[in-house]
Structure formats: C-alpha cells, structure tokens
C-alpha cells in the first residue's frame, strides 16, 4: 500500500488564514462607516483567529510524540493570543462596539506584521457572509 499524503494541513491552513486576516484587517481599516461588509470583515477576523487557535494542538502533536516539549510549549505560547483575541472580537462585534473592534484590529495587525501578501493574491473575499456564521 502506498503512503497517504495530506495536502491540507493545519500549518497550511494557518498560513492561509493569517494572510486572509491581514487582508481583512487592511480592508476593515479602509471602511469609513459601519456597513454590512465591515460587520463581515470583523466577524471573519474572529472566526479565522478561532480556527487558528483550534489548530494549535494538532500542530504540536508531532513534536510532542518526539518529546520536543520545549518547542511545543514555545509554539503554544506564540499562538495563545489567537483564542483570546477571537473571543474579544466576537464580543465586540456582537455588542456593536466598533471602537473596540478598531483597537483589536490594530493589535491583530501588529501581531501579523511579518505576513506578506502578494499583489496578485488568490485569496478573494473569504469574509463574505461571515457575520451570519458568527
């Protein structure tokens, strides 16, 4: 029997979602007023951060099998903020607290400062309809 190769891994999802979050934060910063698109953008940021947070344990499972506990703990600490910010963003969006959304968006943009997006990216607009999912 041949080997099974996973095409979609948690790491690839995390990289794709990180780029999408950066794109959504940039687009949210361009919004002049609260529209349905702004709500979708903020909701998408929250959902994407939650997805990243949920994939952390799957990412470190391989390191823990090999007894790389320090590396696994360092990775967890590096990405721990995603779950906290996802919850804060969710609460702010549901409460229509757009001052908090703006503040959280700026903090999230700082965390993803090293993420680069090509001008001809193929991410599209993954945030469409995210407010209904939230």
Protein backbone atom coordinates (compact mmCIF):
# COMPACT_ATOMS: atom_id res chain seq x y z
CA UNK A 1 0.00 0.00 0.00
CA UNK A 2 1.33 3.47 -0.83
CA UNK A 3 1.78 6.38 1.54
CA UNK A 4 -1.03 8.82 2.10
CA UNK A 5 -0.03 12.43 1.66
CA UNK A 6 -2.07 15.12 3.32
CA UNK A 7 -2.47 18.13 1.09
CA UNK A 8 -4.32 20.37 3.54
CA UNK A 9 -2.51 20.54 6.84
CA UNK A 10 -3.08 22.72 9.87
CA UNK A 11 0.09 24.67 9.11
CA UNK A 12 -1.03 25.48 5.58
CA UNK A 13 -4.45 26.48 6.88
CA UNK A 14 -2.80 28.72 9.48
CA UNK A 15 -0.67 30.43 6.82
CA UNK A 16 -3.64 30.91 4.50
CA UNK A 17 -5.83 32.24 7.32
CA UNK A 18 -3.05 34.56 8.50
CA UNK A 19 -2.88 36.13 5.05
CA UNK A 20 -6.65 36.37 4.88
CA UNK A 21 -6.76 38.05 8.30
CA UNK A 22 -4.16 40.61 7.22
CA UNK A 23 -6.18 41.30 4.08
CA UNK A 24 -9.39 41.64 6.13
CA UNK A 25 -7.73 44.00 8.64
CA UNK A 26 -6.50 46.19 5.78
CA UNK A 27 -9.95 46.24 4.22
CA UNK A 28 -11.58 46.98 7.58
CA UNK A 29 -9.22 49.92 8.08
CA UNK A 30 -10.46 51.39 4.76
CA UNK A 31 -14.09 51.31 5.90
CA UNK A 32 -15.38 54.80 6.73
CA UNK A 33 -18.59 53.67 8.40
CA UNK A 34 -20.20 50.53 9.76
CA UNK A 35 -21.65 48.63 6.81
CA UNK A 36 -22.59 45.01 6.27
CA UNK A 37 -19.15 44.46 4.75
CA UNK A 38 -17.48 45.91 7.87
CA UNK A 39 -19.51 43.51 10.02
CA UNK A 40 -18.50 40.62 7.76
CA UNK A 41 -14.83 41.65 7.97
CA UNK A 42 -14.80 41.84 11.78
CA UNK A 43 -16.72 38.56 12.10
CA UNK A 44 -14.33 36.85 9.68
CA UNK A 45 -11.32 38.01 11.69
CA UNK A 46 -12.86 36.50 14.81
CA UNK A 47 -13.74 33.20 13.12
CA UNK A 48 -10.33 32.88 11.46
CA UNK A 49 -8.50 33.53 14.73
CA UNK A 50 -10.66 30.90 16.42
CA UNK A 51 -9.81 28.39 13.67
CA UNK A 52 -6.10 29.11 14.10
CA UNK A 53 -6.44 28.70 17.85
CA UNK A 54 -8.19 25.34 17.47
CA UNK A 55 -5.40 24.03 15.21
CA UNK A 56 -2.57 24.68 17.65
CA UNK A 57 -2.79 21.31 19.41
CA UNK A 58 -2.81 19.45 16.11
CA UNK A 59 0.31 21.34 15.06
CA UNK A 60 2.31 20.45 18.15
CA UNK A 61 1.18 16.81 18.33
CA UNK A 62 4.07 15.63 16.15
CA UNK A 63 6.62 17.46 18.30
CA UNK A 64 5.17 16.02 21.48
CA UNK A 65 5.40 12.49 20.05
CA UNK A 66 9.14 13.06 19.64
CA UNK A 67 9.44 14.58 23.13
CA UNK A 68 10.14 18.11 21.88
CA UNK A 69 8.22 19.57 24.80
CA UNK A 70 10.03 22.91 24.87
CA UNK A 71 9.42 23.51 21.17
CA UNK A 72 5.76 22.56 21.54
CA UNK A 73 5.26 24.84 24.55
CA UNK A 74 7.03 27.73 22.81
CA UNK A 75 4.74 27.31 19.79
CA UNK A 76 1.65 27.25 22.03
CA UNK A 77 2.77 30.40 23.81
CA UNK A 78 3.46 32.10 20.48
CA UNK A 79 -0.10 31.46 19.22
CA UNK A 80 -2.02 31.56 22.51
CA UNK A 81 -3.24 35.10 21.84
CA UNK A 82 -5.37 33.99 18.88
CA UNK A 83 -8.07 32.40 21.02
CA UNK A 84 -8.22 35.38 23.37
CA UNK A 85 -8.42 37.94 20.56
CA UNK A 86 -11.03 35.83 18.71
CA UNK A 87 -13.30 35.92 21.75
CA UNK A 88 -12.75 39.65 22.33
CA UNK A 89 -13.50 40.41 18.69
CA UNK A 90 -16.63 38.24 18.75
CA UNK A 91 -17.96 40.03 21.84
CA UNK A 92 -17.17 43.45 20.35
CA UNK A 93 -18.89 42.65 17.05
CA UNK A 94 -21.98 41.26 18.72
CA UNK A 95 -22.19 44.30 21.04
CA UNK A 96 -21.66 46.73 18.12
CA UNK A 97 -18.66 48.17 19.96
CA UNK A 98 -16.76 49.45 16.93
CA UNK A 99 -14.20 51.35 18.97
CA UNK A 100 -13.07 48.03 20.45
CA UNK A 101 -13.14 46.41 17.02
CA UNK A 102 -10.83 49.14 15.69
CA UNK A 103 -8.47 48.78 18.64
CA UNK A 104 -8.39 44.98 18.35
CA UNK A 105 -7.83 45.20 14.59
CA UNK A 106 -4.78 47.38 15.15
CA UNK A 107 -3.40 44.92 17.72
CA UNK A 108 -4.03 41.98 15.40
CA UNK A 109 -2.31 43.82 12.56
CA UNK A 110 0.77 44.24 14.78
CA UNK A 111 0.81 40.51 15.57
CA UNK A 112 0.71 39.67 11.86
CA UNK A 113 3.23 42.37 10.92
CA UNK A 114 5.60 39.92 9.22
CA UNK A 115 2.94 38.37 6.99
CA UNK A 116 3.31 39.47 3.38
CA UNK A 117 0.61 39.27 0.75
CA UNK A 118 1.36 39.37 -2.96
CA UNK A 119 -0.45 41.97 -5.03
CA UNK A 120 -1.90 39.28 -7.26
CA UNK A 121 -3.10 37.03 -4.44
CA UNK A 122 -5.82 34.47 -4.99
CA UNK A 123 -7.49 34.83 -1.60
CA UNK A 124 -10.57 36.58 -2.93
CA UNK A 125 -13.01 37.82 -0.30
CA UNK A 126 -13.28 34.99 2.25
CA UNK A 127 -15.16 37.24 4.68
CA UNK A 128 -18.39 37.38 2.66
CA UNK A 129 -21.21 36.04 4.85
CA UNK A 130 -19.06 35.66 7.98
CA UNK A 131 -21.37 37.81 10.13
CA UNK A 132 -24.16 35.25 9.73
CA UNK A 133 -21.79 32.44 10.79
CA UNK A 134 -20.72 34.32 13.90
